[in-house]
Amino acid sequence: MTKHFADRLITRTRSLGHPLCVGLDPFLDRIPPLFRNGDMSPSDERTAPAVGAYLRTVVDRLEGKVAVVKPQIAFFETMGWRGIRMLSEVVEYARARDLLVLMDAKRGDIGSTAEGYAEAYLGPNAPTRADAITLNPYLGRDTLEPFATKAEAHGSGLFVLVKTSNPGSGDYQDLDLGGTTLFRHVAASLVGLSDRLKGPETGWSALGIVAGATYPEQAEQLRDVLPNALFLIPGYGAQGGGAADSVRSFVQGPNGPEGGIVSSSRDVLFPKDGDTDNAQTWERAFDEGLARAGGGLAEALARR
């Protein structure tokens, strides 16, 4: 059995002094010229290897500087089977460099299909084995059980969609259910699972939720409902979420405020001045963007 996911994650973020998670979202039209090959169209057989070389270089520069990376599976699926193969290779490469991998797949299905998804990404023999996965709960709590079983057996983490960062999230998630909102109802339904997956060392649960940086007040409400759940906080940076709002749901820990991870993708992957074919210029731009993202969160935590 692998060590408990939340214990691994929180131990690393405490050591680093910031909760930055870097999203691996390889927009093909934004891959720097330094790494491009061919026309970079999804069907070009040269595209996936070029993206793979780029992401491996990114992972090399992230090693020891962040706790976790978050590949968004959609960007790999656009490249067909070559993209999926490359995703498996990048995940293995990142885990070999002691980075936790959170698969942003938003899976949610019933019965044996949910079991298949759980085995595909969290099973010990999975070809694309991640340390954690994002989940859609809207088919019911029973659809989360196969993932919870894998989390218990193999030290995996789960992040359930509750209040997402997109502008239209309120269309459904904010619906009034007679004194409470749908997103609060979903969170309350996860309390038992959160307690069940609590870590033995840190007390944080391997059951986490997605709570967007663009809705900090709602994130604070969710912390009241799920005091031990890790929060995955997307929306930091390019989507408009600031550092201070991103960590408003964090609570005091042994080394300062803690409680989850804050995801940034485009601001780190595609920094200003990084659109170049010069290796030194790209490295400098990438490192500066990474330092800004992590440093901004560290400063926000220090001011709490």
C-alpha atoms as a PDB file:
ATOM      1  CA  MET A   1       0.000   0.000   0.000  1.00  0.00           C
ATOM      2  CA  THR A   2       1.285   3.447  -0.936  1.00  0.00           C
ATOM      3  CA  LYS A   3       1.455   6.069   1.798  1.00  0.00           C
ATOM      4  CA  HIS A   4      -1.766   8.062   2.265  1.00  0.00           C
ATOM      5  CA  PHE A   5      -2.208  10.697  -0.471  1.00  0.00           C
ATOM      6  CA  ALA A   6      -3.118  13.610   1.791  1.00  0.00           C
ATOM      7  CA  ASP A   7      -0.185  12.910   4.094  1.00  0.00           C
ATOM      8  CA  ARG A   8       2.168  12.865   1.120  1.00  0.00           C
ATOM      9  CA  LEU A   9       0.745  16.058  -0.365  1.00  0.00           C
ATOM     10  CA  ILE A  10       0.577  18.127   2.807  1.00  0.00           C
ATOM     11  CA  THR A  11       4.050  17.033   3.909  1.00  0.00           C
ATOM     12  CA  ARG A  12       5.435  18.273   0.594  1.00  0.00           C
ATOM     13  CA  THR A  13       3.574  21.588   0.539  1.00  0.00           C
ATOM     14  CA  ARG A  14       4.723  22.282   4.097  1.00  0.00           C
ATOM     15  CA  SER A  15       8.307  21.673   3.034  1.00  0.00           C
ATOM     16  CA  LEU A  16       8.028  23.860  -0.066  1.00  0.00           C
ATOM     17  CA  GLY A  17       6.213  26.701   1.674  1.00  0.00           C
ATOM     18  CA  HIS A  18       3.540  27.047  -1.003  1.00  0.00           C
ATOM     19  CA  PRO A  19       0.631  24.970  -2.392  1.00  0.00           C
ATOM     20  CA  LEU A  20       1.168  25.567  -6.116  1.00  0.00           C
ATOM     21  CA  CYS A  21      -0.021  22.830  -8.480  1.00  0.00           C
ATOM     22  CA  VAL A  22       1.013  23.230 -12.115  1.00  0.00           C
ATOM     23  CA  GLY A  23      -1.568  22.197 -14.674  1.00  0.00           C
ATOM     24  CA  LEU A  24      -0.211  20.433 -17.737  1.00  0.00           C
ATOM     25  CA  ASP A  25      -2.546  21.829 -20.400  1.00  0.00           C
ATOM     26  CA  PRO A  26      -0.602  21.652 -23.690  1.00  0.00           C
ATOM     27  CA  PHE A  27      -2.471  24.047 -25.999  1.00  0.00           C
ATOM     28  CA  LEU A  28      -0.958  23.065 -29.328  1.00  0.00           C
ATOM     29  CA  ASP A  29      -0.986  26.596 -30.751  1.00  0.00           C
ATOM     30  CA  ARG A  30       0.951  27.885 -27.730  1.00  0.00           C
ATOM     31  CA  ILE A  31       3.777  25.358 -27.586  1.00  0.00           C
ATOM     32  CA  PRO A  32       6.961  27.479 -27.767  1.00  0.00           C
ATOM     33  CA  PRO A  33       8.819  27.488 -31.115  1.00  0.00           C
ATOM     34  CA  LEU A  34      11.774  25.876 -29.329  1.00  0.00           C
ATOM     35  CA  PHE A  35       9.761  22.647 -29.056  1.00  0.00           C
ATOM     36  CA  ARG A  36       7.513  22.724 -32.124  1.00  0.00           C
ATOM     37  CA  ASN A  37       7.856  20.186 -34.937  1.00  0.00           C
ATOM     38  CA  GLY A  38       5.833  20.208 -38.131  1.00  0.00           C
ATOM     39  CA  ASP A  39       2.524  22.067 -38.291  1.00  0.00           C
ATOM     40  CA  MET A  40       1.526  20.951 -34.745  1.00  0.00           C
ATOM     41  CA  SER A  41      -1.894  19.834 -35.922  1.00  0.00           C
ATOM     42  CA  PRO A  42      -3.539  17.142 -33.751  1.00  0.00           C
ATOM     43  CA  SER A  43      -3.307  14.494 -36.474  1.00  0.00           C
ATOM     44  CA  ASP A  44       0.323  15.147 -37.443  1.00  0.00           C
ATOM     45  CA  GLU A  45       2.401  12.214 -36.171  1.00  0.00           C
ATOM     46  CA  ARG A  46       5.146  14.649 -35.137  1.00  0.00           C
ATOM     47  CA  THR A  47       2.914  16.639 -32.780  1.00  0.00           C
ATOM     48  CA  ALA A  48       2.584  14.256 -29.831  1.00  0.00           C
ATOM     49  CA  PRO A  49       6.337  13.560 -29.590  1.00  0.00           C
ATOM     50  CA  ALA A  50       7.016  17.319 -29.728  1.00  0.00           C
ATOM     51  CA  VAL A  51       4.504  17.967 -26.943  1.00  0.00           C
ATOM     52  CA  GLY A  52       5.996  15.098 -24.949  1.00  0.00           C
ATOM     53  CA  ALA A  53       9.494  16.585 -25.223  1.00  0.00           C
ATOM     54  CA  TYR A  54       8.135  19.953 -24.105  1.00  0.00           C
ATOM     55  CA  LEU A  55       6.295  18.533 -21.096  1.00  0.00           C
ATOM     56  CA  ARG A  56       9.251  16.425 -19.990  1.00  0.00           C
ATOM     57  CA  THR A  57      11.376  19.572 -20.055  1.00  0.00           C
ATOM     58  CA  VAL A  58       8.695  21.339 -18.016  1.00  0.00           C
ATOM     59  CA  VAL A  59       8.665  18.500 -15.485  1.00  0.00           C
ATOM     60  CA  ASP A  60      12.460  18.700 -15.193  1.00  0.00           C
ATOM     61  CA  ARG A  61      12.182  22.366 -14.224  1.00  0.00           C
ATOM     62  CA  LEU A  62       9.345  21.668 -11.772  1.00  0.00           C
ATOM     63  CA  GLU A  63      11.183  18.900  -9.922  1.00  0.00           C
ATOM     64  CA  GLY A  64      11.720  19.914  -6.314  1.00  0.00           C
ATOM     65  CA  LYS A  65       9.812  23.201  -6.794  1.00  0.00           C
ATOM     66  CA  VAL A  66       6.178  22.043  -6.691  1.00  0.00           C
ATOM     67  CA  ALA A  67       4.462  19.120  -5.029  1.00  0.00           C
ATOM     68  CA  VAL A  68       2.042  18.121  -7.764  1.00  0.00           C
ATOM     69  CA  VAL A  69       1.242  18.425 -11.464  1.00  0.00           C
ATOM     70  CA  LYS A  70      -2.220  18.178 -12.993  1.00  0.00           C
ATOM     71  CA  PRO A  71      -2.488  16.894 -16.586  1.00  0.00           C
ATOM     72  CA  GLN A  72      -5.838  17.772 -18.170  1.00  0.00           C
ATOM     73  CA  ILE A  73      -6.692  14.679 -20.187  1.00  0.00           C
ATOM     74  CA  ALA A  74      -8.690  16.538 -22.867  1.00  0.00           C
ATOM     75  CA  PHE A  75      -5.584  18.164 -24.335  1.00  0.00           C
ATOM     76  CA  PHE A  76      -4.005  14.743 -24.801  1.00  0.00           C
ATOM     77  CA  GLU A  77      -7.152  13.154 -26.227  1.00  0.00           C
ATOM     78  CA  THR A  78      -7.153  15.726 -29.040  1.00  0.00           C
ATOM     79  CA  MET A  79      -4.039  13.983 -30.395  1.00  0.00           C
ATOM     80  CA  GLY A  80      -5.716  10.564 -30.495  1.00  0.00           C
ATOM     81  CA  TRP A  81      -3.854   7.412 -29.542  1.00  0.00           C
ATOM     82  CA  ARG A  82      -0.502   9.150 -29.838  1.00  0.00           C
ATOM     83  CA  GLY A  83      -1.622  11.700 -27.270  1.00  0.00           C
ATOM     84  CA  ILE A  84      -2.842   9.060 -24.835  1.00  0.00           C
ATOM     85  CA  ARG A  85       0.426   7.158 -25.152  1.00  0.00           C
ATOM     86  CA  MET A  86       2.342  10.359 -24.571  1.00  0.00           C
ATOM     87  CA  LEU A  87       0.187  11.139 -21.524  1.00  0.00           C
ATOM     88  CA  SER A  88       1.152   7.788 -20.001  1.00  0.00           C
ATOM     89  CA  GLU A  89       4.806   8.533 -20.655  1.00  0.00           C
ATOM     90  CA  VAL A  90       4.626  12.012 -19.120  1.00  0.00           C
ATOM     91  CA  VAL A  91       2.791  10.717 -16.042  1.00  0.00           C
ATOM     92  CA  GLU A  92       5.421   8.037 -15.521  1.00  0.00           C
ATOM     93  CA  TYR A  93       8.187  10.588 -16.078  1.00  0.00           C
ATOM     94  CA  ALA A  94       6.726  12.977 -13.484  1.00  0.00           C
ATOM     95  CA  ARG A  95       6.166  10.290 -10.854  1.00  0.00           C
ATOM     96  CA  ALA A  96       9.735   9.049 -11.349  1.00  0.00           C
ATOM     97  CA  ARG A  97      10.866  12.568 -10.404  1.00  0.00           C
ATOM     98  CA  ASP A  98       8.896  12.460  -7.165  1.00  0.00           C
ATOM     99  CA  LEU A  99       6.076  14.702  -8.363  1.00  0.00           C
ATOM    100  CA  LEU A 100       2.558  13.724  -7.412  1.00  0.00           C
ATOM    101  CA  VAL A 101       0.239  13.453 -10.429  1.00  0.00           C
ATOM    102  CA  LEU A 102      -3.391  14.552 -10.240  1.00  0.00           C
ATOM    103  CA  MET A 103      -5.281  13.373 -13.323  1.00  0.00           C
ATOM    104  CA  ASP A 104      -7.851  15.991 -14.287  1.00  0.00           C
ATOM    105  CA  ALA A 105     -10.331  13.651 -15.958  1.00  0.00           C
ATOM    106  CA  LYS A 106     -13.598  14.527 -14.163  1.00  0.00           C
ATOM    107  CA  ARG A 107     -14.807  10.949 -14.384  1.00  0.00           C
ATOM    108  CA  GLY A 108     -18.258   9.939 -13.195  1.00  0.00           C
ATOM    109  CA  ASP A 109     -20.276   6.913 -14.215  1.00  0.00           C
ATOM    110  CA  ILE A 110     -22.230   3.996 -12.801  1.00  0.00           C
ATOM    111  CA  GLY A 111     -21.460   0.437 -11.742  1.00  0.00           C
ATOM    112  CA  SER A 112     -18.807  -1.472 -13.627  1.00  0.00           C
ATOM    113  CA  THR A 113     -17.988   1.571 -15.760  1.00  0.00           C
ATOM    114  CA  ALA A 114     -16.948   3.538 -12.679  1.00  0.00           C
ATOM    115  CA  GLU A 115     -14.923   0.529 -11.568  1.00  0.00           C
ATOM    116  CA  GLY A 116     -13.206   0.533 -14.961  1.00  0.00           C
ATOM    117  CA  TYR A 117     -12.277   4.196 -14.690  1.00  0.00           C
ATOM    118  CA  ALA A 118     -10.975   3.683 -11.159  1.00  0.00           C
ATOM    119  CA  GLU A 119      -8.816   0.767 -12.259  1.00  0.00           C
ATOM    120  CA  ALA A 120      -7.568   2.677 -15.322  1.00  0.00           C
ATOM    121  CA  TYR A 121      -6.119   5.554 -13.314  1.00  0.00           C
ATOM    122  CA  LEU A 122      -5.741   4.454  -9.698  1.00  0.00           C
ATOM    123  CA  GLY A 123      -5.144   0.697  -9.910  1.00  0.00           C
ATOM    124  CA  PRO A 124      -1.658  -0.622  -9.040  1.00  0.00           C
ATOM    125  CA  ASN A 125      -1.184  -1.972 -12.581  1.00  0.00           C
ATOM    126  CA  ALA A 126      -2.765   0.945 -14.422  1.00  0.00           C
ATOM    127  CA  PRO A 127      -0.816   1.922 -17.560  1.00  0.00           C
ATOM    128  CA  THR A 128      -1.507   5.587 -16.762  1.00  0.00           C
ATOM    129  CA  ARG A 129      -1.377   5.457 -12.984  1.00  0.00           C
ATOM    130  CA  ALA A 130      -2.010   8.740 -11.225  1.00  0.00           C
ATOM    131  CA  ASP A 131      -1.802   9.609  -7.544  1.00  0.00           C
ATOM    132  CA  ALA A 132      -5.218  11.298  -7.591  1.00  0.00           C
ATOM    133  CA  ILE A 133      -8.120  12.019  -9.930  1.00  0.00           C
ATOM    134  CA  THR A 134     -10.941  14.554 -10.319  1.00  0.00           C
ATOM    135  CA  LEU A 135     -14.489  13.175 -10.177  1.00  0.00           C
ATOM    136  CA  ASN A 136     -17.996  14.274 -11.143  1.00  0.00           C
ATOM    137  CA  PRO A 137     -20.498  13.319  -8.396  1.00  0.00           C
ATOM    138  CA  TYR A 138     -23.734  14.078 -10.224  1.00  0.00           C
ATOM    139  CA  LEU A 139     -24.650  10.447 -10.932  1.00  0.00           C
ATOM    140  CA  GLY A 140     -24.820   9.765  -7.196  1.00  0.00           C
ATOM    141  CA  ARG A 141     -22.648   8.841  -4.223  1.00  0.00           C
ATOM    142  CA  ASP A 142     -22.551   5.183  -5.217  1.00  0.00           C
ATOM    143  CA  THR A 143     -20.555   6.159  -8.307  1.00  0.00           C
ATOM    144  CA  LEU A 144     -17.751   7.429  -6.046  1.00  0.00           C
ATOM    145  CA  GLU A 145     -17.408   4.138  -4.164  1.00  0.00           C
ATOM    146  CA  PRO A 146     -15.121   2.333  -6.656  1.00  0.00           C
ATOM    147  CA  PHE A 147     -12.718   5.263  -6.451  1.00  0.00           C
ATOM    148  CA  ALA A 148     -12.928   5.369  -2.660  1.00  0.00           C
ATOM    149  CA  THR A 149     -12.084   1.665  -2.521  1.00  0.00           C
ATOM    150  CA  LYS A 150      -8.995   2.275  -4.666  1.00  0.00           C
ATOM    151  CA  ALA A 151      -8.041   5.259  -2.514  1.00  0.00           C
ATOM    152  CA  GLU A 152      -8.154   3.131   0.632  1.00  0.00           C
ATOM    153  CA  ALA A 153      -6.229   0.248  -0.907  1.00  0.00           C
ATOM    154  CA  HIS A 154      -3.543   2.171  -2.772  1.00  0.00           C
ATOM    155  CA  GLY A 155      -3.132   5.542  -1.064  1.00  0.00           C
ATOM    156  CA  SER A 156      -4.830   7.548  -3.820  1.00  0.00           C
ATOM    157  CA  GLY A 157      -6.575  10.912  -3.686  1.00  0.00           C
ATOM    158  CA  LEU A 158      -9.995  11.997  -4.970  1.00  0.00           C
ATOM    159  CA  PHE A 159     -11.139  15.529  -5.827  1.00  0.00           C
ATOM    160  CA  VAL A 160     -14.901  15.850  -6.297  1.00  0.00           C
ATOM    161  CA  LEU A 161     -16.414  18.731  -8.267  1.00  0.00           C
ATOM    162  CA  VAL A 162     -18.379  20.953  -5.886  1.00  0.00           C
ATOM    163  CA  LYS A 163     -18.005  24.659  -6.779  1.00  0.00           C
ATOM    164  CA  THR A 164     -16.072  25.115 -10.003  1.00  0.00           C
ATOM    165  CA  SER A 165     -14.284  28.266 -11.218  1.00  0.00           C
ATOM    166  CA  ASN A 166     -16.110  28.827 -14.517  1.00  0.00           C
ATOM    167  CA  PRO A 167     -18.598  31.729 -14.852  1.00  0.00           C
ATOM    168  CA  GLY A 168     -21.524  29.396 -15.579  1.00  0.00           C
ATOM    169  CA  SER A 169     -20.992  27.200 -12.525  1.00  0.00           C
ATOM    170  CA  GLY A 170     -23.879  28.892 -10.767  1.00  0.00           C
ATOM    171  CA  ASP A 171     -26.372  27.693 -13.387  1.00  0.00           C
ATOM    172  CA  TYR A 172     -26.675  24.460 -11.430  1.00  0.00           C
ATOM    173  CA  GLN A 173     -24.294  24.569  -8.469  1.00  0.00           C
ATOM    174  CA  ASP A 174     -25.936  27.647  -6.888  1.00  0.00           C
ATOM    175  CA  LEU A 175     -29.513  26.372  -7.161  1.00  0.00           C
ATOM    176  CA  ASP A 176     -31.580  26.942  -4.009  1.00  0.00           C
ATOM    177  CA  LEU A 177     -32.715  23.669  -2.470  1.00  0.00           C
ATOM    178  CA  GLY A 178     -34.862  25.242   0.214  1.00  0.00           C
ATOM    179  CA  GLY A 179     -32.380  26.928   2.525  1.00  0.00           C
ATOM    180  CA  THR A 180     -29.172  25.572   1.049  1.00  0.00           C
ATOM    181  CA  THR A 181     -27.453  25.540  -2.314  1.00  0.00           C
ATOM    182  CA  LEU A 182     -26.764  22.514  -4.449  1.00  0.00           C
ATOM    183  CA  PHE A 183     -22.998  22.890  -4.007  1.00  0.00           C
ATOM    184  CA  ARG A 184     -23.359  22.922  -0.201  1.00  0.00           C
ATOM    185  CA  HIS A 185     -25.654  19.886  -0.390  1.00  0.00           C
ATOM    186  CA  VAL A 186     -23.063  17.999  -2.444  1.00  0.00           C
ATOM    187  CA  ALA A 187     -20.366  18.935   0.055  1.00  0.00           C
ATOM    188  CA  ALA A 188     -22.480  17.810   3.009  1.00  0.00           C
ATOM    189  CA  SER A 189     -23.069  14.466   1.307  1.00  0.00           C
ATOM    190  CA  LEU A 190     -19.300  13.890   1.289  1.00  0.00           C
ATOM    191  CA  VAL A 191     -18.702  14.297   5.033  1.00  0.00           C
ATOM    192  CA  GLY A 192     -18.794  10.565   5.757  1.00  0.00           C
ATOM    193  CA  LEU A 193     -16.389   9.763   2.936  1.00  0.00           C
ATOM    194  CA  SER A 194     -14.076  12.544   4.038  1.00  0.00           C
ATOM    195  CA  ASP A 195     -13.912  11.110   7.549  1.00  0.00           C
ATOM    196  CA  ARG A 196     -13.382   7.612   6.185  1.00  0.00           C
ATOM    197  CA  LEU A 197     -10.333   8.686   4.132  1.00  0.00           C
ATOM    198  CA  LYS A 198      -8.630  10.793   6.796  1.00  0.00           C
ATOM    199  CA  GLY A 199      -4.843  10.550   6.869  1.00  0.00           C
ATOM    200  CA  PRO A 200      -3.110   9.038   9.919  1.00  0.00           C
ATOM    201  CA  GLU A 201      -0.249  11.567  10.018  1.00  0.00           C
ATOM    202  CA  THR A 202      -1.695  14.955   9.109  1.00  0.00           C
ATOM    203  CA  GLY A 203      -5.418  14.449   9.716  1.00  0.00           C
ATOM    204  CA  TRP A 204      -6.215  15.696   6.202  1.00  0.00           C
ATOM    205  CA  SER A 205      -8.501  13.550   4.098  1.00  0.00           C
ATOM    206  CA  ALA A 206      -7.678  11.936   0.753  1.00  0.00           C
ATOM    207  CA  LEU A 207     -11.211  12.978  -0.187  1.00  0.00           C
ATOM    208  CA  GLY A 208     -10.857  16.476  -1.603  1.00  0.00           C
ATOM    209  CA  ILE A 209     -13.141  18.843  -3.453  1.00  0.00           C
ATOM    210  CA  VAL A 210     -12.805  21.333  -6.290  1.00  0.00           C
ATOM    211  CA  ALA A 211     -13.492  24.881  -5.075  1.00  0.00           C
ATOM    212  CA  GLY A 212     -12.597  27.594  -7.584  1.00  0.00           C
ATOM    213  CA  ALA A 213     -10.404  30.568  -6.729  1.00  0.00           C
ATOM    214  CA  THR A 214     -12.949  32.815  -8.434  1.00  0.00           C
ATOM    215  CA  TYR A 215     -15.514  32.069  -5.690  1.00  0.00           C
ATOM    216  CA  PRO A 216     -13.605  32.581  -2.403  1.00  0.00           C
ATOM    217  CA  GLU A 217     -16.671  33.237  -0.232  1.00  0.00           C
ATOM    218  CA  GLN A 218     -18.237  29.973  -1.324  1.00  0.00           C
ATOM    219  CA  ALA A 219     -14.936  28.210  -0.642  1.00  0.00           C
ATOM    220  CA  GLU A 220     -15.003  29.523   2.934  1.00  0.00           C
ATOM    221  CA  GLN A 221     -18.527  28.128   3.325  1.00  0.00           C
ATOM    222  CA  LEU A 222     -17.323  24.762   2.063  1.00  0.00           C
ATOM    223  CA  ARG A 223     -14.475  24.714   4.573  1.00  0.00           C
ATOM    224  CA  ASP A 224     -17.071  24.899   7.344  1.00  0.00           C
ATOM    225  CA  VAL A 225     -18.797  21.826   5.896  1.00  0.00           C
ATOM    226  CA  LEU A 226     -15.620  19.822   5.178  1.00  0.00           C
ATOM    227  CA  PRO A 227     -12.949  20.890   7.681  1.00  0.00           C
ATOM    228  CA  ASN A 228     -10.549  18.041   6.834  1.00  0.00           C
ATOM    229  CA  ALA A 229     -10.947  17.902   3.047  1.00  0.00           C
ATOM    230  CA  LEU A 230      -8.164  18.957   0.721  1.00  0.00           C
ATOM    231  CA  PHE A 231      -9.287  21.694  -1.662  1.00  0.00           C
ATOM    232  CA  LEU A 232      -8.189  21.771  -5.289  1.00  0.00           C
ATOM    233  CA  ILE A 233      -8.449  25.444  -6.195  1.00  0.00           C
ATOM    234  CA  PRO A 234      -8.404  26.138  -9.954  1.00  0.00           C
ATOM    235  CA  GLY A 235      -8.690  29.578 -11.499  1.00  0.00           C
ATOM    236  CA  TYR A 236      -5.503  31.138 -10.106  1.00  0.00           C
ATOM    237  CA  GLY A 237      -3.848  33.485 -12.572  1.00  0.00           C
ATOM    238  CA  ALA A 238      -5.172  33.428 -16.128  1.00  0.00           C
ATOM    239  CA  GLN A 239      -8.781  32.767 -15.051  1.00  0.00           C
ATOM    240  CA  GLY A 240      -8.784  35.790 -12.752  1.00  0.00           C
ATOM    241  CA  GLY A 241      -8.283  34.308  -9.299  1.00  0.00           C
ATOM    242  CA  GLY A 242      -5.803  36.179  -7.095  1.00  0.00           C
ATOM    243  CA  ALA A 243      -3.386  34.638  -4.607  1.00  0.00           C
ATOM    244  CA  ALA A 244      -5.156  35.946  -1.498  1.00  0.00           C
ATOM    245  CA  ASP A 245      -8.575  34.697  -2.613  1.00  0.00           C
ATOM    246  CA  SER A 246      -7.075  31.355  -3.630  1.00  0.00           C
ATOM    247  CA  VAL A 247      -5.986  30.561  -0.066  1.00  0.00           C
ATOM    248  CA  ARG A 248      -8.942  32.023   1.857  1.00  0.00           C
ATOM    249  CA  SER A 249     -10.248  28.537   2.654  1.00  0.00           C
ATOM    250  CA  PHE A 250      -6.930  27.429   4.170  1.00  0.00           C
ATOM    251  CA  VAL A 251      -6.671  26.886   7.924  1.00  0.00           C
ATOM    252  CA  GLN A 252      -3.795  27.111  10.354  1.00  0.00           C
ATOM    253  CA  GLY A 253      -1.402  24.163  10.371  1.00  0.00           C
ATOM    254  CA  PRO A 254       1.934  23.459  12.099  1.00  0.00           C
ATOM    255  CA  ASN A 255       3.886  25.625   9.613  1.00  0.00           C
ATOM    256  CA  GLY A 256       1.209  28.117   8.637  1.00  0.00           C
ATOM    257  CA  PRO A 257      -2.076  28.045   6.700  1.00  0.00           C
ATOM    258  CA  GLU A 258      -2.703  24.881   4.682  1.00  0.00           C
ATOM    259  CA  GLY A 259      -5.551  22.875   3.231  1.00  0.00           C
ATOM    260  CA  GLY A 260      -5.013  21.953  -0.365  1.00  0.00           C
ATOM    261  CA  ILE A 261      -3.433  22.987  -3.639  1.00  0.00           C
ATOM    262  CA  VAL A 262      -3.867  25.981  -5.949  1.00  0.00           C
ATOM    263  CA  SER A 263      -3.664  25.226  -9.664  1.00  0.00           C
ATOM    264  CA  SER A 264      -2.139  27.431 -12.328  1.00  0.00           C
ATOM    265  CA  SER A 265      -1.683  26.258 -15.901  1.00  0.00           C
ATOM    266  CA  ARG A 266      -1.275  28.880 -18.608  1.00  0.00           C
ATOM    267  CA  ASP A 267       0.584  31.470 -16.511  1.00  0.00           C
ATOM    268  CA  VAL A 268       3.298  28.907 -15.783  1.00  0.00           C
ATOM    269  CA  LEU A 269       3.353  26.884 -19.002  1.00  0.00           C
ATOM    270  CA  PHE A 270       3.205  29.855 -21.359  1.00  0.00           C
ATOM    271  CA  PRO A 271       4.860  32.801 -19.619  1.00  0.00           C
ATOM    272  CA  LYS A 272       5.493  36.225 -21.063  1.00  0.00           C
ATOM    273  CA  ASP A 273       8.660  36.158 -23.191  1.00  0.00           C
ATOM    274  CA  GLY A 274       8.474  32.344 -23.360  1.00  0.00           C
ATOM    275  CA  ASP A 275       7.323  32.242 -26.995  1.00  0.00           C
ATOM    276  CA  THR A 276      10.835  31.808 -28.335  1.00  0.00           C
ATOM    277  CA  ASP A 277      13.168  29.392 -30.056  1.00  0.00           C
ATOM    278  CA  ASN A 278      16.060  30.326 -27.776  1.00  0.00           C
ATOM    279  CA  ALA A 279      16.603  27.776 -24.995  1.00  0.00           C
ATOM    280  CA  GLN A 280      18.128  30.179 -22.473  1.00  0.00           C
ATOM    281  CA  THR A 281      15.411  32.775 -23.011  1.00  0.00           C
ATOM    282  CA  TRP A 282      12.693  30.152 -22.586  1.00  0.00           C
ATOM    283  CA  GLU A 283      14.267  28.702 -19.441  1.00  0.00           C
ATOM    284  CA  ARG A 284      14.572  32.142 -17.863  1.00  0.00           C
ATOM    285  CA  ALA A 285      10.971  33.069 -18.734  1.00  0.00           C
ATOM    286  CA  PHE A 286       9.623  29.759 -17.449  1.00  0.00           C
ATOM    287  CA  ASP A 287      11.562  29.901 -14.188  1.00  0.00           C
ATOM    288  CA  GLU A 288      10.493  33.490 -13.557  1.00  0.00           C
ATOM    289  CA  GLY A 289       6.838  32.644 -14.182  1.00  0.00           C
ATOM    290  CA  LEU A 290       7.038  29.650 -11.879  1.00  0.00           C
ATOM    291  CA  ALA A 291       8.675  31.739  -9.155  1.00  0.00           C
ATOM    292  CA  ARG A 292       5.971  34.404  -9.445  1.00  0.00           C
ATOM    293  CA  ALA A 293       3.162  31.871  -9.157  1.00  0.00           C
ATOM    294  CA  GLY A 294       4.609  30.041  -6.171  1.00  0.00           C
ATOM    295  CA  GLY A 295       5.938  33.188  -4.535  1.00  0.00           C
ATOM    296  CA  GLY A 296       2.589  34.927  -4.809  1.00  0.00           C
ATOM    297  CA  LEU A 297       0.902  32.093  -2.938  1.00  0.00           C
ATOM    298  CA  ALA A 298       3.648  31.980  -0.291  1.00  0.00           C
ATOM    299  CA  GLU A 299       3.230  35.718   0.303  1.00  0.00           C
ATOM    300  CA  ALA A 300      -0.545  35.385   0.548  1.00  0.00           C
ATOM    301  CA  LEU A 301      -0.172  32.630   3.149  1.00  0.00           C
ATOM    302  CA  ALA A 302       2.316  34.714   5.134  1.00  0.00           C
ATOM    303  CA  ARG A 303      -0.216  37.547   5.343  1.00  0.00           C
ATOM    304  CA  ARG A 304      -2.973  35.304   6.679  1.00  0.00           C
END
